[in-house]
C-alpha cells in the first residue's frame, strides 16, 4: 500500500484507516475512562465554544439558557479533538508541502471572480447554513456518518447518502460551466 498519493499528499486509504482507529480509540477511552460512551463529532464543540464566549459577556444568560444547560458549556475531549483537527491538518499540509495561504481558492475564483469579500460572505453564510443544519439534525455529517456507520446504523447510511447526494447536486449547480 502506498502511503502517499502521486502529488505527495496522504493516501486516502491510510487516512481512512487511521480515522477508523481514532474512532475506535475514542469510544474505548470515553467508555472506560469517562464511564459514558461518546462518539466522534464536531458540531457540538462549536456550540460549546459559542457558550464559552458568551459566558465572558453574560454568564447569567448562559446559566439560564436551556440549551447550554443540556450541552454543558465546557472544554472537553471533543473540544480538544477539534483543536487537534486544525493542528493536524496544518502539520499534514506543511509536511507534504501543500500548505499555502490563498485569499480566494482557484476553483472559486474561476467561477465567481477574485472578490475576497464575496468569498468571505459565501463562506460565512455557508457556515451558518451548515451549523443550523447540524444542530437541527442533532449532529454533524461527520458525527452521523463516522459514528453511525461504525455502529452499522441504517439511518447513518441513509443520512450519509443524502449528504453526498446533496453535495454532488449543489457542487454541480455552483461549479458546472454554463455555455454563453
C-alpha atoms as a PDB file:
ATOM      1  CA  UNK A   1       0.000   0.000   0.000  1.00  0.00           C
ATOM      2  CA  UNK A   2       1.254   3.474  -0.898  1.00  0.00           C
ATOM      3  CA  UNK A   3       1.288   5.985   1.941  1.00  0.00           C
ATOM      4  CA  UNK A   4       1.441   8.988  -0.383  1.00  0.00           C
ATOM      5  CA  UNK A   5      -0.523   9.998  -3.467  1.00  0.00           C
ATOM      6  CA  UNK A   6       1.227  10.874  -6.714  1.00  0.00           C
ATOM      7  CA  UNK A   7       1.087  14.578  -5.819  1.00  0.00           C
ATOM      8  CA  UNK A   8       2.724  13.931  -2.417  1.00  0.00           C
ATOM      9  CA  UNK A   9      -0.455  14.026  -0.311  1.00  0.00           C
ATOM     10  CA  UNK A  10      -1.583  11.422   2.189  1.00  0.00           C
ATOM     11  CA  UNK A  11      -3.113   8.216   0.872  1.00  0.00           C
ATOM     12  CA  UNK A  12      -6.876   8.333   1.452  1.00  0.00           C
ATOM     13  CA  UNK A  13      -6.730   4.661   2.438  1.00  0.00           C
ATOM     14  CA  UNK A  14      -4.158   5.328   5.133  1.00  0.00           C
ATOM     15  CA  UNK A  15      -6.017   8.411   6.364  1.00  0.00           C
ATOM     16  CA  UNK A  16      -9.296   6.451   6.455  1.00  0.00           C
ATOM     17  CA  UNK A  17      -7.702   3.589   8.373  1.00  0.00           C
ATOM     18  CA  UNK A  18      -6.191   5.999  10.893  1.00  0.00           C
ATOM     19  CA  UNK A  19      -9.551   7.750  11.298  1.00  0.00           C
ATOM     20  CA  UNK A  20     -11.193   4.371  11.937  1.00  0.00           C
ATOM     21  CA  UNK A  21      -8.614   3.596  14.612  1.00  0.00           C
ATOM     22  CA  UNK A  22      -9.206   7.025  16.167  1.00  0.00           C
ATOM     23  CA  UNK A  23     -12.962   6.382  16.251  1.00  0.00           C
ATOM     24  CA  UNK A  24     -12.448   3.022  17.977  1.00  0.00           C
ATOM     25  CA  UNK A  25      -9.951   4.538  20.423  1.00  0.00           C
ATOM     26  CA  UNK A  26     -12.341   7.397  21.264  1.00  0.00           C
ATOM     27  CA  UNK A  27     -15.186   5.017  22.048  1.00  0.00           C
ATOM     28  CA  UNK A  28     -12.900   2.820  24.146  1.00  0.00           C
ATOM     29  CA  UNK A  29     -11.370   5.761  26.011  1.00  0.00           C
ATOM     30  CA  UNK A  30     -14.642   7.552  26.748  1.00  0.00           C
ATOM     31  CA  UNK A  31     -16.350   4.339  27.828  1.00  0.00           C
ATOM     32  CA  UNK A  32     -13.554   3.179  30.110  1.00  0.00           C
ATOM     33  CA  UNK A  33     -12.183   6.498  31.335  1.00  0.00           C
ATOM     34  CA  UNK A  34     -15.298   8.676  31.469  1.00  0.00           C
ATOM     35  CA  UNK A  35     -17.882   5.970  32.039  1.00  0.00           C
ATOM     36  CA  UNK A  36     -20.056   7.247  29.190  1.00  0.00           C
ATOM     37  CA  UNK A  37     -19.740   6.204  25.559  1.00  0.00           C
ATOM     38  CA  UNK A  38     -19.133   9.156  23.287  1.00  0.00           C
ATOM     39  CA  UNK A  39     -18.604   9.140  19.542  1.00  0.00           C
ATOM     40  CA  UNK A  40     -16.669  11.323  17.123  1.00  0.00           C
ATOM     41  CA  UNK A  41     -18.352  14.540  16.083  1.00  0.00           C
ATOM     42  CA  UNK A  42     -17.623  18.244  15.943  1.00  0.00           C
ATOM     43  CA  UNK A  43     -20.727  20.440  15.757  1.00  0.00           C
ATOM     44  CA  UNK A  44     -21.483  20.389  19.494  1.00  0.00           C
ATOM     45  CA  UNK A  45     -17.980  21.739  20.106  1.00  0.00           C
ATOM     46  CA  UNK A  46     -18.806  24.896  18.167  1.00  0.00           C
ATOM     47  CA  UNK A  47     -21.944  25.397  20.247  1.00  0.00           C
ATOM     48  CA  UNK A  48     -19.871  24.980  23.410  1.00  0.00           C
ATOM     49  CA  UNK A  49     -17.300  27.472  22.085  1.00  0.00           C
ATOM     50  CA  UNK A  50     -20.108  29.983  21.477  1.00  0.00           C
ATOM     51  CA  UNK A  51     -21.309  29.351  25.039  1.00  0.00           C
ATOM     52  CA  UNK A  52     -17.814  29.933  26.423  1.00  0.00           C
ATOM     53  CA  UNK A  53     -17.539  33.216  24.515  1.00  0.00           C
ATOM     54  CA  UNK A  54     -20.997  34.303  25.639  1.00  0.00           C
ATOM     55  CA  UNK A  55     -20.157  33.355  29.228  1.00  0.00           C
ATOM     56  CA  UNK A  56     -17.460  36.059  29.203  1.00  0.00           C
ATOM     57  CA  UNK A  57     -20.118  38.664  28.378  1.00  0.00           C
ATOM     58  CA  UNK A  58     -23.208  37.354  30.157  1.00  0.00           C
ATOM     59  CA  UNK A  59     -22.588  34.353  32.394  1.00  0.00           C
ATOM     60  CA  UNK A  60     -26.102  34.508  33.868  1.00  0.00           C
ATOM     61  CA  UNK A  61     -27.658  34.183  30.403  1.00  0.00           C
ATOM     62  CA  UNK A  62     -25.612  31.049  29.674  1.00  0.00           C
ATOM     63  CA  UNK A  63     -26.501  29.566  33.069  1.00  0.00           C
ATOM     64  CA  UNK A  64     -30.230  30.107  32.450  1.00  0.00           C
ATOM     65  CA  UNK A  65     -30.232  29.018  28.794  1.00  0.00           C
ATOM     66  CA  UNK A  66     -31.915  25.613  28.482  1.00  0.00           C
ATOM     67  CA  UNK A  67     -29.779  24.541  25.521  1.00  0.00           C
ATOM     68  CA  UNK A  68     -26.495  25.444  27.197  1.00  0.00           C
ATOM     69  CA  UNK A  69     -27.658  23.671  30.360  1.00  0.00           C
ATOM     70  CA  UNK A  70     -28.235  20.498  28.310  1.00  0.00           C
ATOM     71  CA  UNK A  71     -24.971  20.759  26.346  1.00  0.00           C
ATOM     72  CA  UNK A  72     -22.782  21.766  29.312  1.00  0.00           C
ATOM     73  CA  UNK A  73     -20.568  24.655  28.249  1.00  0.00           C
ATOM     74  CA  UNK A  74     -17.079  23.321  28.857  1.00  0.00           C
ATOM     75  CA  UNK A  75     -13.812  22.314  27.250  1.00  0.00           C
ATOM     76  CA  UNK A  76     -13.983  18.533  26.926  1.00  0.00           C
ATOM     77  CA  UNK A  77     -12.253  15.838  24.860  1.00  0.00           C
ATOM     78  CA  UNK A  78     -14.315  16.681  21.734  1.00  0.00           C
ATOM     79  CA  UNK A  79     -13.322  20.332  22.083  1.00  0.00           C
ATOM     80  CA  UNK A  80      -9.682  19.259  22.163  1.00  0.00           C
ATOM     81  CA  UNK A  81     -10.321  16.945  19.189  1.00  0.00           C
ATOM     82  CA  UNK A  82     -11.499  19.897  17.072  1.00  0.00           C
ATOM     83  CA  UNK A  83      -8.394  21.868  18.037  1.00  0.00           C
ATOM     84  CA  UNK A  84      -6.343  18.787  17.140  1.00  0.00           C
ATOM     85  CA  UNK A  85      -8.057  18.563  13.739  1.00  0.00           C
ATOM     86  CA  UNK A  86      -6.884  22.095  12.961  1.00  0.00           C
ATOM     87  CA  UNK A  87      -3.305  21.473  14.032  1.00  0.00           C
ATOM     88  CA  UNK A  88      -3.224  18.005  12.451  1.00  0.00           C
ATOM     89  CA  UNK A  89      -4.350  19.420   9.109  1.00  0.00           C
ATOM     90  CA  UNK A  90      -1.800  22.226   9.392  1.00  0.00           C
ATOM     91  CA  UNK A  91       1.052  19.835  10.189  1.00  0.00           C
ATOM     92  CA  UNK A  92      -0.042  17.442   7.434  1.00  0.00           C
ATOM     93  CA  UNK A  93      -0.164  20.200   4.814  1.00  0.00           C
ATOM     94  CA  UNK A  94       3.229  21.533   5.884  1.00  0.00           C
ATOM     95  CA  UNK A  95       4.876  18.106   5.830  1.00  0.00           C
ATOM     96  CA  UNK A  96       3.523  17.202   2.384  1.00  0.00           C
ATOM     97  CA  UNK A  97       4.384  20.719   1.147  1.00  0.00           C
ATOM     98  CA  UNK A  98       0.807  21.525   0.066  1.00  0.00           C
ATOM     99  CA  UNK A  99       0.357  24.382   2.571  1.00  0.00           C
ATOM    100  CA  UNK A 100      -0.333  27.765   1.027  1.00  0.00           C
ATOM    101  CA  UNK A 101      -2.242  30.840   2.022  1.00  0.00           C
ATOM    102  CA  UNK A 102      -4.743  31.949  -0.586  1.00  0.00           C
ATOM    103  CA  UNK A 103      -7.395  34.607  -0.261  1.00  0.00           C
ATOM    104  CA  UNK A 104      -9.625  33.062  -2.904  1.00  0.00           C
ATOM    105  CA  UNK A 105      -9.275  29.404  -3.967  1.00  0.00           C
ATOM    106  CA  UNK A 106      -8.683  28.960  -7.720  1.00  0.00           C
ATOM    107  CA  UNK A 107     -11.924  26.998  -8.263  1.00  0.00           C
ATOM    108  CA  UNK A 108     -13.965  29.757  -6.603  1.00  0.00           C
ATOM    109  CA  UNK A 109     -12.099  32.493  -8.481  1.00  0.00           C
ATOM    110  CA  UNK A 110     -12.676  30.777 -11.813  1.00  0.00           C
ATOM    111  CA  UNK A 111     -16.420  30.580 -11.204  1.00  0.00           C
ATOM    112  CA  UNK A 112     -17.189  33.726  -9.176  1.00  0.00           C
ATOM    113  CA  UNK A 113     -14.230  36.054  -9.644  1.00  0.00           C
ATOM    114  CA  UNK A 114     -11.422  37.280  -7.386  1.00  0.00           C
ATOM    115  CA  UNK A 115     -13.538  39.163  -4.810  1.00  0.00           C
ATOM    116  CA  UNK A 116     -12.294  38.366  -1.304  1.00  0.00           C
ATOM    117  CA  UNK A 117     -15.454  39.920   0.174  1.00  0.00           C
ATOM    118  CA  UNK A 118     -17.727  37.706  -1.901  1.00  0.00           C
ATOM    119  CA  UNK A 119     -15.711  34.615  -0.938  1.00  0.00           C
ATOM    120  CA  UNK A 120     -15.806  35.599   2.757  1.00  0.00           C
ATOM    121  CA  UNK A 121     -19.566  36.223   2.601  1.00  0.00           C
ATOM    122  CA  UNK A 122     -20.125  32.870   0.857  1.00  0.00           C
ATOM    123  CA  UNK A 123     -18.022  31.034   3.432  1.00  0.00           C
ATOM    124  CA  UNK A 124     -19.732  32.815   6.334  1.00  0.00           C
ATOM    125  CA  UNK A 125     -23.262  32.181   5.052  1.00  0.00           C
ATOM    126  CA  UNK A 126     -22.377  28.582   4.148  1.00  0.00           C
ATOM    127  CA  UNK A 127     -21.036  28.078   7.666  1.00  0.00           C
ATOM    128  CA  UNK A 128     -24.271  29.402   9.159  1.00  0.00           C
ATOM    129  CA  UNK A 129     -26.388  27.097   6.990  1.00  0.00           C
ATOM    130  CA  UNK A 130     -24.178  24.105   7.810  1.00  0.00           C
ATOM    131  CA  UNK A 131     -24.236  24.795  11.553  1.00  0.00           C
ATOM    132  CA  UNK A 132     -28.002  25.362  11.698  1.00  0.00           C
ATOM    133  CA  UNK A 133     -28.481  22.103   9.771  1.00  0.00           C
ATOM    134  CA  UNK A 134     -26.083  20.261  12.068  1.00  0.00           C
ATOM    135  CA  UNK A 135     -27.896  21.467  15.163  1.00  0.00           C
ATOM    136  CA  UNK A 136     -31.326  20.644  13.670  1.00  0.00           C
ATOM    137  CA  UNK A 137     -30.066  17.112  12.898  1.00  0.00           C
ATOM    138  CA  UNK A 138     -28.600  16.849  16.413  1.00  0.00           C
ATOM    139  CA  UNK A 139     -25.140  16.324  14.979  1.00  0.00           C
ATOM    140  CA  UNK A 140     -22.886  16.995  12.047  1.00  0.00           C
ATOM    141  CA  UNK A 141     -22.324  14.851   8.953  1.00  0.00           C
ATOM    142  CA  UNK A 142     -19.040  13.574  10.343  1.00  0.00           C
ATOM    143  CA  UNK A 143     -20.718  12.528  13.567  1.00  0.00           C
ATOM    144  CA  UNK A 144     -23.649  10.865  11.825  1.00  0.00           C
ATOM    145  CA  UNK A 145     -21.500   9.351   9.096  1.00  0.00           C
ATOM    146  CA  UNK A 146     -18.466   8.165  11.008  1.00  0.00           C
ATOM    147  CA  UNK A 147     -20.023   7.239  14.302  1.00  0.00           C
ATOM    148  CA  UNK A 148     -23.305   5.985  12.900  1.00  0.00           C
ATOM    149  CA  UNK A 149     -21.668   3.827  10.246  1.00  0.00           C
ATOM    150  CA  UNK A 150     -19.299   2.476  12.877  1.00  0.00           C
ATOM    151  CA  UNK A 151     -22.411   1.161  14.632  1.00  0.00           C
ATOM    152  CA  UNK A 152     -23.874  -0.078  11.304  1.00  0.00           C
ATOM    153  CA  UNK A 153     -26.851   2.238  11.783  1.00  0.00           C
ATOM    154  CA  UNK A 154     -29.255   2.154   8.834  1.00  0.00           C
ATOM    155  CA  UNK A 155     -30.138   5.805   9.430  1.00  0.00           C
ATOM    156  CA  UNK A 156     -26.436   6.728   9.226  1.00  0.00           C
ATOM    157  CA  UNK A 157     -26.119   5.045   5.831  1.00  0.00           C
ATOM    158  CA  UNK A 158     -29.238   6.881   4.628  1.00  0.00           C
ATOM    159  CA  UNK A 159     -28.033  10.208   6.064  1.00  0.00           C
ATOM    160  CA  UNK A 160     -24.573   9.834   4.527  1.00  0.00           C
ATOM    161  CA  UNK A 161     -26.098   9.007   1.137  1.00  0.00           C
ATOM    162  CA  UNK A 162     -28.200  12.180   1.417  1.00  0.00           C
ATOM    163  CA  UNK A 163     -25.169  14.298   2.427  1.00  0.00           C
ATOM    164  CA  UNK A 164     -23.146  13.075  -0.540  1.00  0.00           C
ATOM    165  CA  UNK A 165     -26.079  13.267  -2.948  1.00  0.00           C
ATOM    166  CA  UNK A 166     -26.915  16.838  -1.936  1.00  0.00           C
ATOM    167  CA  UNK A 167     -23.214  17.757  -2.112  1.00  0.00           C
ATOM    168  CA  UNK A 168     -22.897  16.429  -5.660  1.00  0.00           C
ATOM    169  CA  UNK A 169     -26.034  18.278  -6.776  1.00  0.00           C
ATOM    170  CA  UNK A 170     -25.008  21.591  -5.173  1.00  0.00           C
ATOM    171  CA  UNK A 171     -21.421  21.316  -6.493  1.00  0.00           C
ATOM    172  CA  UNK A 172     -22.782  20.717  -9.998  1.00  0.00           C
ATOM    173  CA  UNK A 173     -25.126  23.689  -9.726  1.00  0.00           C
ATOM    174  CA  UNK A 174     -22.410  26.001  -8.450  1.00  0.00           C
ATOM    175  CA  UNK A 175     -19.340  24.852 -10.384  1.00  0.00           C
ATOM    176  CA  UNK A 176     -20.587  23.487 -13.709  1.00  0.00           C
ATOM    177  CA  UNK A 177     -19.658  25.771 -16.557  1.00  0.00           C
ATOM    178  CA  UNK A 178     -22.540  27.314 -18.408  1.00  0.00           C
ATOM    179  CA  UNK A 179     -22.276  27.911 -22.114  1.00  0.00           C
ATOM    180  CA  UNK A 180     -22.584  31.564 -23.163  1.00  0.00           C
END
